[in-house]
């Protein structure tokens, strides 16, 4: 079964903010692979981001946060960014802020 991929406007902006075209293309390839068995890819998030999944891309540095809407057979990509544990611009820190502001949705 093939899933439809939907990318939120916020995730599109995050992806566009990545200056290296090759990195954007590699992230895009990982996003496209989510169309096949997204529930078997990535890992389930815990805590504030429970209900979302995270998959690694581009040499394990970048993360793609997504959620699966099984009723519509849609994978919604909600955030894309680099993992920098402890940094203000860490993708998980940014995603938690977006969630608190209601910009990630449920």
PDB file of N, CA and C in Angstrom:
ATOM      1  N   UNK A   1       0.844  -1.174   0.000  1.00  0.00           N
ATOM      2  CA  UNK A   1       0.000   0.000   0.000  1.00  0.00           C
ATOM      3  C   UNK A   1       0.889   1.238   0.000  1.00  0.00           C
ATOM      4  N   UNK A   2       0.568   2.184  -0.831  1.00  0.00           N
ATOM      5  CA  UNK A   2       1.328   3.418  -0.927  1.00  0.00           C
ATOM      6  C   UNK A   2       0.612   4.540  -0.180  1.00  0.00           C
ATOM      7  N   UNK A   3       1.354   5.293   0.606  1.00  0.00           N
ATOM      8  CA  UNK A   3       0.817   6.394   1.390  1.00  0.00           C
ATOM      9  C   UNK A   3       1.051   7.708   0.655  1.00  0.00           C
ATOM     10  N   UNK A   4       0.148   8.632   0.833  1.00  0.00           N
ATOM     11  CA  UNK A   4       0.315   9.969   0.268  1.00  0.00           C
ATOM     12  C   UNK A   4       1.154  10.772   1.257  1.00  0.00           C
ATOM     13  N   UNK A   5       2.098  11.560   0.742  1.00  0.00           N
ATOM     14  CA  UNK A   5       2.964  12.383   1.582  1.00  0.00           C
ATOM     15  C   UNK A   5       2.440  13.819   1.542  1.00  0.00           C
ATOM     16  N   UNK A   6       2.291  14.399   2.718  1.00  0.00           N
ATOM     17  CA  UNK A   6       1.887  15.797   2.845  1.00  0.00           C
ATOM     18  C   UNK A   6       2.942  16.498   3.694  1.00  0.00           C
ATOM     19  N   UNK A   7       3.393  17.663   3.259  1.00  0.00           N
ATOM     20  CA  UNK A   7       4.404  18.411   3.995  1.00  0.00           C
ATOM     21  C   UNK A   7       3.778  19.725   4.452  1.00  0.00           C
ATOM     22  N   UNK A   8       3.846  19.979   5.761  1.00  0.00           N
ATOM     23  CA  UNK A   8       3.261  21.202   6.303  1.00  0.00           C
ATOM     24  C   UNK A   8       4.046  22.418   5.810  1.00  0.00           C
ATOM     25  N   UNK A   9       3.415  23.586   5.782  1.00  0.00           N
ATOM     26  CA  UNK A   9       4.134  24.808   5.377  1.00  0.00           C
ATOM     27  C   UNK A   9       5.367  25.064   6.249  1.00  0.00           C
ATOM     28  N   UNK A  10       5.261  24.787   7.540  1.00  0.00           N
ATOM     29  CA  UNK A  10       6.402  24.978   8.445  1.00  0.00           C
ATOM     30  C   UNK A  10       7.562  24.075   8.031  1.00  0.00           C
ATOM     31  N   UNK A  11       7.280  22.810   7.728  1.00  0.00           N
ATOM     32  CA  UNK A  11       8.341  21.878   7.311  1.00  0.00           C
ATOM     33  C   UNK A  11       8.935  22.308   5.969  1.00  0.00           C
ATOM     34  N   UNK A  12       8.107  22.827   5.066  1.00  0.00           N
ATOM     35  CA  UNK A  12       8.623  23.322   3.779  1.00  0.00           C
ATOM     36  C   UNK A  12       9.601  24.467   3.999  1.00  0.00           C
ATOM     37  N   UNK A  13       9.260  25.378   4.934  1.00  0.00           N
ATOM     38  CA  UNK A  13      10.170  26.493   5.240  1.00  0.00           C
ATOM     39  C   UNK A  13      11.473  25.974   5.840  1.00  0.00           C
ATOM     40  N   UNK A  14      11.367  25.006   6.747  1.00  0.00           N
ATOM     41  CA  UNK A  14      12.569  24.437   7.365  1.00  0.00           C
ATOM     42  C   UNK A  14      13.461  23.797   6.305  1.00  0.00           C
ATOM     43  N   UNK A  15      12.852  23.095   5.369  1.00  0.00           N
ATOM     44  CA  UNK A  15      13.603  22.446   4.298  1.00  0.00           C
ATOM     45  C   UNK A  15      14.238  23.497   3.383  1.00  0.00           C
ATOM     46  N   UNK A  16      13.496  24.547   3.063  1.00  0.00           N
ATOM     47  CA  UNK A  16      14.010  25.616   2.202  1.00  0.00           C
ATOM     48  C   UNK A  16      15.165  26.372   2.865  1.00  0.00           C
ATOM     49  N   UNK A  17      15.175  26.416   4.193  1.00  0.00           N
ATOM     50  CA  UNK A  17      16.237  27.114   4.922  1.00  0.00           C
ATOM     51  C   UNK A  17      17.571  26.378   4.881  1.00  0.00           C
ATOM     52  N   UNK A  18      17.570  25.135   4.447  1.00  0.00           N
ATOM     53  CA  UNK A  18      18.819  24.379   4.319  1.00  0.00           C
ATOM     54  C   UNK A  18      19.487  24.823   3.022  1.00  0.00           C
ATOM     55  N   UNK A  19      20.649  25.434   3.149  1.00  0.00           N
ATOM     56  CA  UNK A  19      21.282  26.073   1.994  1.00  0.00           C
ATOM     57  C   UNK A  19      21.873  25.090   0.979  1.00  0.00           C
ATOM     58  N   UNK A  20      22.296  23.932   1.424  1.00  0.00           N
ATOM     59  CA  UNK A  20      22.946  22.965   0.530  1.00  0.00           C
ATOM     60  C   UNK A  20      21.892  22.167  -0.243  1.00  0.00           C
ATOM     61  N   UNK A  21      21.867  22.340  -1.556  1.00  0.00           N
ATOM     62  CA  UNK A  21      20.892  21.683  -2.422  1.00  0.00           C
ATOM     63  C   UNK A  21      20.994  20.155  -2.340  1.00  0.00           C
ATOM     64  N   UNK A  22      22.206  19.633  -2.235  1.00  0.00           N
ATOM     65  CA  UNK A  22      22.385  18.177  -2.171  1.00  0.00           C
ATOM     66  C   UNK A  22      21.765  17.597  -0.904  1.00  0.00           C
ATOM     67  N   UNK A  23      21.906  18.315   0.200  1.00  0.00           N
ATOM     68  CA  UNK A  23      21.307  17.859   1.454  1.00  0.00           C
ATOM     69  C   UNK A  23      19.788  17.892   1.337  1.00  0.00           C
ATOM     70  N   UNK A  24      19.239  18.970   0.740  1.00  0.00           N
ATOM     71  CA  UNK A  24      17.779  19.053   0.544  1.00  0.00           C
ATOM     72  C   UNK A  24      17.289  17.880  -0.299  1.00  0.00           C
ATOM     73  N   UNK A  25      18.040  17.535  -1.344  1.00  0.00           N
ATOM     74  CA  UNK A  25      17.638  16.428  -2.210  1.00  0.00           C
ATOM     75  C   UNK A  25      17.666  15.091  -1.466  1.00  0.00           C
ATOM     76  N   UNK A  26      18.683  14.889  -0.636  1.00  0.00           N
ATOM     77  CA  UNK A  26      18.770  13.644   0.131  1.00  0.00           C
ATOM     78  C   UNK A  26      17.627  13.549   1.142  1.00  0.00           C
ATOM     79  N   UNK A  27      17.297  14.666   1.774  1.00  0.00           N
ATOM     80  CA  UNK A  27      16.171  14.677   2.713  1.00  0.00           C
ATOM     81  C   UNK A  27      14.881  14.400   1.949  1.00  0.00           C
ATOM     82  N   UNK A  28      14.737  14.992   0.769  1.00  0.00           N
ATOM     83  CA  UNK A  28      13.565  14.743  -0.062  1.00  0.00           C
ATOM     84  C   UNK A  28      13.420  13.279  -0.431  1.00  0.00           C
ATOM     85  N   UNK A  29      14.540  12.611  -0.695  1.00  0.00           N
ATOM     86  CA  UNK A  29      14.506  11.182  -1.032  1.00  0.00           C
ATOM     87  C   UNK A  29      14.017  10.361   0.156  1.00  0.00           C
ATOM     88  N   UNK A  30      14.451  10.729   1.368  1.00  0.00           N
ATOM     89  CA  UNK A  30      14.000  10.009   2.564  1.00  0.00           C
ATOM     90  C   UNK A  30      12.502  10.256   2.770  1.00  0.00           C
ATOM     91  N   UNK A  31      12.065  11.490   2.565  1.00  0.00           N
ATOM     92  CA  UNK A  31      10.635  11.802   2.695  1.00  0.00           C
ATOM     93  C   UNK A  31       9.826  10.978   1.697  1.00  0.00           C
ATOM     94  N   UNK A  32      10.305  10.868   0.465  1.00  0.00           N
ATOM     95  CA  UNK A  32       9.595  10.091  -0.554  1.00  0.00           C
ATOM     96  C   UNK A  32       9.524   8.605  -0.178  1.00  0.00           C
ATOM     97  N   UNK A  33      10.557   8.093   0.495  1.00  0.00           N
ATOM     98  CA  UNK A  33      10.543   6.686   0.914  1.00  0.00           C
ATOM     99  C   UNK A  33       9.475   6.416   1.972  1.00  0.00           C
ATOM    100  N   UNK A  34       9.026   7.458   2.657  1.00  0.00           N
ATOM    101  CA  UNK A  34       7.981   7.287   3.676  1.00  0.00           C
ATOM    102  C   UNK A  34       6.651   6.846   3.064  1.00  0.00           C
ATOM    103  N   UNK A  35       6.518   6.948   1.751  1.00  0.00           N
ATOM    104  CA  UNK A  35       5.288   6.520   1.090  1.00  0.00           C
ATOM    105  C   UNK A  35       5.087   5.006   1.195  1.00  0.00           C
ATOM    106  N   UNK A  36       6.148   4.281   1.482  1.00  0.00           N
ATOM    107  CA  UNK A  36       6.074   2.825   1.631  1.00  0.00           C
ATOM    108  C   UNK A  36       6.347   2.448   3.084  1.00  0.00           C
ATOM    109  N   UNK A  37       5.379   1.905   3.762  1.00  0.00           N
ATOM    110  CA  UNK A  37       5.500   1.423   5.139  1.00  0.00           C
ATOM    111  C   UNK A  37       6.084   2.448   6.119  1.00  0.00           C
ATOM    112  N   UNK A  38       5.466   3.602   6.269  1.00  0.00           N
ATOM    113  CA  UNK A  38       6.013   4.620   7.182  1.00  0.00           C
ATOM    114  C   UNK A  38       6.018   4.182   8.645  1.00  0.00           C
ATOM    115  N   UNK A  39       5.117   3.253   9.006  1.00  0.00           N
ATOM    116  CA  UNK A  39       5.080   2.822  10.401  1.00  0.00           C
ATOM    117  C   UNK A  39       6.243   1.902  10.740  1.00  0.00           C
ATOM    118  N   UNK A  40       6.935   1.385   9.731  1.00  0.00           N
ATOM    119  CA  UNK A  40       8.100   0.530   9.960  1.00  0.00           C
ATOM    120  C   UNK A  40       9.403   1.328   9.902  1.00  0.00           C
ATOM    121  N   UNK A  41       9.309   2.610   9.561  1.00  0.00           N
ATOM    122  CA  UNK A  41      10.488   3.462   9.457  1.00  0.00           C
ATOM    123  C   UNK A  41      10.529   4.420  10.640  1.00  0.00           C
ATOM    124  N   UNK A  42      11.682   4.926  10.936  1.00  0.00           N
ATOM    125  CA  UNK A  42      11.814   5.893  12.014  1.00  0.00           C
ATOM    126  C   UNK A  42      11.510   5.282  13.360  1.00  0.00           C
ATOM    127  N   UNK A  43      11.420   6.156  14.362  1.00  0.00           N
ATOM    128  CA  UNK A  43      11.094   5.677  15.704  1.00  0.00           C
ATOM    129  C   UNK A  43      10.000   6.555  16.286  1.00  0.00           C
ATOM    130  N   UNK A  44       9.221   5.962  17.158  1.00  0.00           N
ATOM    131  CA  UNK A  44       8.138   6.688  17.818  1.00  0.00           C
ATOM    132  C   UNK A  44       8.737   7.651  18.835  1.00  0.00           C
ATOM    133  N   UNK A  45       8.195   8.864  18.890  1.00  0.00           N
ATOM    134  CA  UNK A  45       8.659   9.873  19.834  1.00  0.00           C
ATOM    135  C   UNK A  45       7.922   9.705  21.159  1.00  0.00           C
ATOM    136  N   UNK A  46       8.528  10.201  22.223  1.00  0.00           N
ATOM    137  CA  UNK A  46       7.956  10.104  23.559  1.00  0.00           C
ATOM    138  C   UNK A  46       7.722  11.510  24.114  1.00  0.00           C
ATOM    139  N   UNK A  47       7.058  11.584  25.246  1.00  0.00           N
ATOM    140  CA  UNK A  47       6.857  12.855  25.928  1.00  0.00           C
ATOM    141  C   UNK A  47       5.938  13.783  25.152  1.00  0.00           C
ATOM    142  N   UNK A  48       6.341  15.053  25.070  1.00  0.00           N
ATOM    143  CA  UNK A  48       5.529  16.059  24.381  1.00  0.00           C
ATOM    144  C   UNK A  48       5.274  15.715  22.921  1.00  0.00           C
ATOM    145  N   UNK A  49       6.198  15.001  22.309  1.00  0.00           N
ATOM    146  CA  UNK A  49       6.085  14.685  20.886  1.00  0.00           C
ATOM    147  C   UNK A  49       5.514  13.288  20.632  1.00  0.00           C
ATOM    148  N   UNK A  50       4.877  12.705  21.641  1.00  0.00           N
ATOM    149  CA  UNK A  50       4.242  11.398  21.465  1.00  0.00           C
ATOM    150  C   UNK A  50       3.201  11.514  20.356  1.00  0.00           C
ATOM    151  N   UNK A  51       3.124  10.507  19.517  1.00  0.00           N
ATOM    152  CA  UNK A  51       2.212  10.536  18.371  1.00  0.00           C
ATOM    153  C   UNK A  51       2.937  10.883  17.079  1.00  0.00           C
ATOM    154  N   UNK A  52       4.155  11.393  17.210  1.00  0.00           N
ATOM    155  CA  UNK A  52       4.985  11.698  16.049  1.00  0.00           C
ATOM    156  C   UNK A  52       6.060  10.635  15.930  1.00  0.00           C
ATOM    157  N   UNK A  53       6.684  10.567  14.765  1.00  0.00           N
ATOM    158  CA  UNK A  53       7.791   9.649  14.533  1.00  0.00           C
ATOM    159  C   UNK A  53       8.960  10.466  14.002  1.00  0.00           C
ATOM    160  N   UNK A  54      10.171   9.944  14.164  1.00  0.00           N
ATOM    161  CA  UNK A  54      11.375  10.620  13.711  1.00  0.00           C
ATOM    162  C   UNK A  54      12.211   9.641  12.904  1.00  0.00           C
ATOM    163  N   UNK A  55      12.715  10.119  11.769  1.00  0.00           N
ATOM    164  CA  UNK A  55      13.589   9.295  10.935  1.00  0.00           C
ATOM    165  C   UNK A  55      14.851  10.102  10.642  1.00  0.00           C
ATOM    166  N   UNK A  56      15.969   9.420  10.608  1.00  0.00           N
ATOM    167  CA  UNK A  56      17.261  10.063  10.352  1.00  0.00           C
ATOM    168  C   UNK A  56      17.497  10.205   8.850  1.00  0.00           C
ATOM    169  N   UNK A  57      18.251  11.249   8.507  1.00  0.00           N
ATOM    170  CA  UNK A  57      18.599  11.479   7.099  1.00  0.00           C
ATOM    171  C   UNK A  57      19.967  12.144   7.019  1.00  0.00           C
ATOM    172  N   UNK A  58      20.615  12.039   5.906  1.00  0.00           N
ATOM    173  CA  UNK A  58      21.880  12.692   5.582  1.00  0.00           C
ATOM    174  C   UNK A  58      22.940  12.426   6.654  1.00  0.00           C
ATOM    175  N   UNK A  59      23.467  11.249   6.644  1.00  0.00           N
ATOM    176  CA  UNK A  59      24.546  10.910   7.553  1.00  0.00           C
ATOM    177  C   UNK A  59      24.153  10.982   9.016  1.00  0.00           C
ATOM    178  N   UNK A  60      22.911  10.713   9.309  1.00  0.00           N
ATOM    179  CA  UNK A  60      22.392  10.639  10.673  1.00  0.00           C
ATOM    180  C   UNK A  60      22.254  11.993  11.363  1.00  0.00           C
ATOM    181  N   UNK A  61      22.610  13.104  10.725  1.00  0.00           N
ATOM    182  CA  UNK A  61      22.572  14.408  11.383  1.00  0.00           C
ATOM    183  C   UNK A  61      21.192  15.048  11.351  1.00  0.00           C
ATOM    184  N   UNK A  62      20.511  14.935  10.245  1.00  0.00           N
ATOM    185  CA  UNK A  62      19.205  15.571  10.101  1.00  0.00           C
ATOM    186  C   UNK A  62      18.095  14.628  10.539  1.00  0.00           C
ATOM    187  N   UNK A  63      17.005  15.216  11.004  1.00  0.00           N
ATOM    188  CA  UNK A  63      15.840  14.433  11.402  1.00  0.00           C
ATOM    189  C   UNK A  63      14.616  14.956  10.656  1.00  0.00           C
ATOM    190  N   UNK A  64      13.728  14.036  10.343  1.00  0.00           N
ATOM    191  CA  UNK A  64      12.439  14.363   9.736  1.00  0.00           C
ATOM    192  C   UNK A  64      11.389  13.897  10.726  1.00  0.00           C
ATOM    193  N   UNK A  65      10.584  14.821  11.222  1.00  0.00           N
ATOM    194  CA  UNK A  65       9.497  14.471  12.133  1.00  0.00           C
ATOM    195  C   UNK A  65       8.220  14.367  11.324  1.00  0.00           C
ATOM    196  N   UNK A  66       7.476  13.281  11.547  1.00  0.00           N
ATOM    197  CA  UNK A  66       6.249  13.070  10.803  1.00  0.00           C
ATOM    198  C   UNK A  66       5.229  12.362  11.664  1.00  0.00           C
ATOM    199  N   UNK A  67       3.986  12.421  11.226  1.00  0.00           N
ATOM    200  CA  UNK A  67       2.941  11.653  11.895  1.00  0.00           C
ATOM    201  C   UNK A  67       2.161  10.910  10.821  1.00  0.00           C
ATOM    202  N   UNK A  68       1.558   9.830  11.239  1.00  0.00           N
ATOM    203  CA  UNK A  68       0.815   8.976  10.317  1.00  0.00           C
ATOM    204  C   UNK A  68      -0.671   9.128  10.604  1.00  0.00           C
ATOM    205  N   UNK A  69      -1.415   9.461   9.576  1.00  0.00           N
ATOM    206  CA  UNK A  69      -2.862   9.548   9.701  1.00  0.00           C
ATOM    207  C   UNK A  69      -3.435   8.358   8.938  1.00  0.00           C
ATOM    208  N   UNK A  70      -3.644   7.267   9.647  1.00  0.00           N
ATOM    209  CA  UNK A  70      -4.078   6.020   9.030  1.00  0.00           C
ATOM    210  C   UNK A  70      -5.458   6.071   8.416  1.00  0.00           C
ATOM    211  N   UNK A  71      -6.323   6.955   8.908  1.00  0.00           N
ATOM    212  CA  UNK A  71      -7.670   7.040   8.362  1.00  0.00           C
ATOM    213  C   UNK A  71      -7.672   7.536   6.925  1.00  0.00           C
ATOM    214  N   UNK A  72      -6.712   8.394   6.597  1.00  0.00           N
ATOM    215  CA  UNK A  72      -6.648   8.973   5.256  1.00  0.00           C
ATOM    216  C   UNK A  72      -5.498   8.405   4.436  1.00  0.00           C
ATOM    217  N   UNK A  73      -4.704   7.501   5.008  1.00  0.00           N
ATOM    218  CA  UNK A  73      -3.514   6.949   4.368  1.00  0.00           C
ATOM    219  C   UNK A  73      -2.582   8.086   3.946  1.00  0.00           C
ATOM    220  N   UNK A  74      -2.248   8.934   4.938  1.00  0.00           N
ATOM    221  CA  UNK A  74      -1.405  10.103   4.706  1.00  0.00           C
ATOM    222  C   UNK A  74      -0.270  10.128   5.720  1.00  0.00           C
ATOM    223  N   UNK A  75       0.921  10.438   5.249  1.00  0.00           N
ATOM    224  CA  UNK A  75       2.059  10.712   6.114  1.00  0.00           C
ATOM    225  C   UNK A  75       2.260  12.219   6.075  1.00  0.00           C
ATOM    226  N   UNK A  76       2.197  12.879   7.233  1.00  0.00           N
ATOM    227  CA  UNK A  76       2.340  14.331   7.298  1.00  0.00           C
ATOM    228  C   UNK A  76       3.710  14.662   7.878  1.00  0.00           C
ATOM    229  N   UNK A  77       4.568  15.268   7.063  1.00  0.00           N
ATOM    230  CA  UNK A  77       5.884  15.697   7.525  1.00  0.00           C
ATOM    231  C   UNK A  77       5.689  17.050   8.204  1.00  0.00           C
ATOM    232  N   UNK A  78       6.059  17.135   9.485  1.00  0.00           N
ATOM    233  CA  UNK A  78       5.786  18.348  10.251  1.00  0.00           C
ATOM    234  C   UNK A  78       7.033  19.180  10.546  1.00  0.00           C
ATOM    235  N   UNK A  79       8.216  18.593  10.505  1.00  0.00           N
ATOM    236  CA  UNK A  79       9.431  19.351  10.780  1.00  0.00           C
ATOM    237  C   UNK A  79      10.641  18.646  10.188  1.00  0.00           C
ATOM    238  N   UNK A  80      11.627  19.447   9.789  1.00  0.00           N
ATOM    239  CA  UNK A  80      12.870  18.931   9.233  1.00  0.00           C
ATOM    240  C   UNK A  80      13.991  19.782   9.802  1.00  0.00           C
ATOM    241  N   UNK A  81      15.033  19.158  10.284  1.00  0.00           N
ATOM    242  CA  UNK A  81      16.147  19.945  10.796  1.00  0.00           C
ATOM    243  C   UNK A  81      17.274  19.079  11.293  1.00  0.00           C
ATOM    244  N   UNK A  82      18.289  19.742  11.817  1.00  0.00           N
ATOM    245  CA  UNK A  82      19.493  19.048  12.249  1.00  0.00           C
ATOM    246  C   UNK A  82      19.423  18.765  13.749  1.00  0.00           C
ATOM    247  N   UNK A  83      19.966  17.646  14.122  1.00  0.00           N
ATOM    248  CA  UNK A  83      19.987  17.237  15.526  1.00  0.00           C
ATOM    249  C   UNK A  83      21.250  17.789  16.157  1.00  0.00           C
ATOM    250  N   UNK A  84      21.090  18.685  17.123  1.00  0.00           N
ATOM    251  CA  UNK A  84      22.215  19.253  17.873  1.00  0.00           C
ATOM    252  C   UNK A  84      21.834  19.210  19.347  1.00  0.00           C
ATOM    253  N   UNK A  85      22.047  18.100  19.964  1.00  0.00           N
ATOM    254  CA  UNK A  85      21.615  17.908  21.344  1.00  0.00           C
ATOM    255  C   UNK A  85      22.140  19.016  22.245  1.00  0.00           C
ATOM    256  N   UNK A  86      21.221  19.654  22.987  1.00  0.00           N
ATOM    257  CA  UNK A  86      21.582  20.719  23.909  1.00  0.00           C
ATOM    258  C   UNK A  86      21.582  22.108  23.295  1.00  0.00           C
ATOM    259  N   UNK A  87      21.480  22.211  21.980  1.00  0.00           N
ATOM    260  CA  UNK A  87      21.494  23.515  21.314  1.00  0.00           C
ATOM    261  C   UNK A  87      20.080  24.077  21.181  1.00  0.00           C
ATOM    262  N   UNK A  88      19.981  25.410  21.094  1.00  0.00           N
ATOM    263  CA  UNK A  88      18.671  26.052  20.935  1.00  0.00           C
ATOM    264  C   UNK A  88      18.003  25.666  19.619  1.00  0.00           C
ATOM    265  N   UNK A  89      18.818  25.449  18.582  1.00  0.00           N
ATOM    266  CA  UNK A  89      18.251  25.156  17.266  1.00  0.00           C
ATOM    267  C   UNK A  89      18.155  23.658  16.973  1.00  0.00           C
ATOM    268  N   UNK A  90      18.249  22.825  17.998  1.00  0.00           N
ATOM    269  CA  UNK A  90      18.056  21.384  17.856  1.00  0.00           C
ATOM    270  C   UNK A  90      16.635  21.119  17.343  1.00  0.00           C
ATOM    271  N   UNK A  91      16.483  20.217  16.399  1.00  0.00           N
ATOM    272  CA  UNK A  91      15.182  19.967  15.777  1.00  0.00           C
ATOM    273  C   UNK A  91      14.134  19.552  16.797  1.00  0.00           C
ATOM    274  N   UNK A  92      14.507  18.766  17.785  1.00  0.00           N
ATOM    275  CA  UNK A  92      13.515  18.326  18.772  1.00  0.00           C
ATOM    276  C   UNK A  92      13.095  19.481  19.678  1.00  0.00           C
ATOM    277  N   UNK A  93      14.035  20.355  20.028  1.00  0.00           N
ATOM    278  CA  UNK A  93      13.705  21.536  20.823  1.00  0.00           C
ATOM    279  C   UNK A  93      12.761  22.442  20.045  1.00  0.00           C
ATOM    280  N   UNK A  94      13.062  22.659  18.757  1.00  0.00           N
ATOM    281  CA  UNK A  94      12.190  23.492  17.916  1.00  0.00           C
ATOM    282  C   UNK A  94      10.808  22.863  17.758  1.00  0.00           C
ATOM    283  N   UNK A  95      10.773  21.557  17.579  1.00  0.00           N
ATOM    284  CA  UNK A  95       9.482  20.872  17.402  1.00  0.00           C
ATOM    285  C   UNK A  95       8.627  20.995  18.660  1.00  0.00           C
ATOM    286  N   UNK A  96       9.247  20.893  19.828  1.00  0.00           N
ATOM    287  CA  UNK A  96       8.490  21.038  21.075  1.00  0.00           C
ATOM    288  C   UNK A  96       7.913  22.437  21.198  1.00  0.00           C
ATOM    289  N   UNK A  97       8.694  23.455  20.799  1.00  0.00           N
ATOM    290  CA  UNK A  97       8.200  24.834  20.830  1.00  0.00           C
ATOM    291  C   UNK A  97       7.028  24.994  19.874  1.00  0.00           C
ATOM    292  N   UNK A  98       7.161  24.443  18.668  1.00  0.00           N
ATOM    293  CA  UNK A  98       6.076  24.528  17.682  1.00  0.00           C
ATOM    294  C   UNK A  98       4.829  23.813  18.193  1.00  0.00           C
ATOM    295  N   UNK A  99       5.027  22.688  18.857  1.00  0.00           N
ATOM    296  CA  UNK A  99       3.887  21.939  19.398  1.00  0.00           C
ATOM    297  C   UNK A  99       3.171  22.762  20.468  1.00  0.00           C
ATOM    298  N   UNK A 100       3.963  23.378  21.374  1.00  0.00           N
ATOM    299  CA  UNK A 100       3.359  24.199  22.429  1.00  0.00           C
ATOM    300  C   UNK A 100       2.588  25.384  21.860  1.00  0.00           C
ATOM    301  N   UNK A 101       3.067  25.921  20.734  1.00  0.00           N
ATOM    302  CA  UNK A 101       2.393  27.050  20.092  1.00  0.00           C
ATOM    303  C   UNK A 101       1.223  26.603  19.223  1.00  0.00           C
ATOM    304  N   UNK A 102       1.029  25.296  19.117  1.00  0.00           N
ATOM    305  CA  UNK A 102      -0.072  24.765  18.313  1.00  0.00           C
ATOM    306  C   UNK A 102       0.198  24.766  16.828  1.00  0.00           C
ATOM    307  N   UNK A 103       1.465  24.872  16.435  1.00  0.00           N
ATOM    308  CA  UNK A 103       1.811  24.918  15.015  1.00  0.00           C
ATOM    309  C   UNK A 103       2.104  23.549  14.408  1.00  0.00           C
ATOM    310  N   UNK A 104       2.274  22.534  15.249  1.00  0.00           N
ATOM    311  CA  UNK A 104       2.482  21.184  14.716  1.00  0.00           C
ATOM    312  C   UNK A 104       1.179  20.427  14.548  1.00  0.00           C
ATOM    313  N   UNK A 105       0.199  20.813  15.288  1.00  0.00           N
ATOM    314  CA  UNK A 105      -1.087  20.109  15.206  1.00  0.00           C
ATOM    315  C   UNK A 105      -1.021  18.744  15.835  1.00  0.00           C
ATOM    316  N   UNK A 106      -2.086  18.038  15.781  1.00  0.00           N
ATOM    317  CA  UNK A 106      -2.153  16.691  16.344  1.00  0.00           C
ATOM    318  C   UNK A 106      -2.640  15.746  15.337  1.00  0.00           C
TER     319      UNK A 106
END
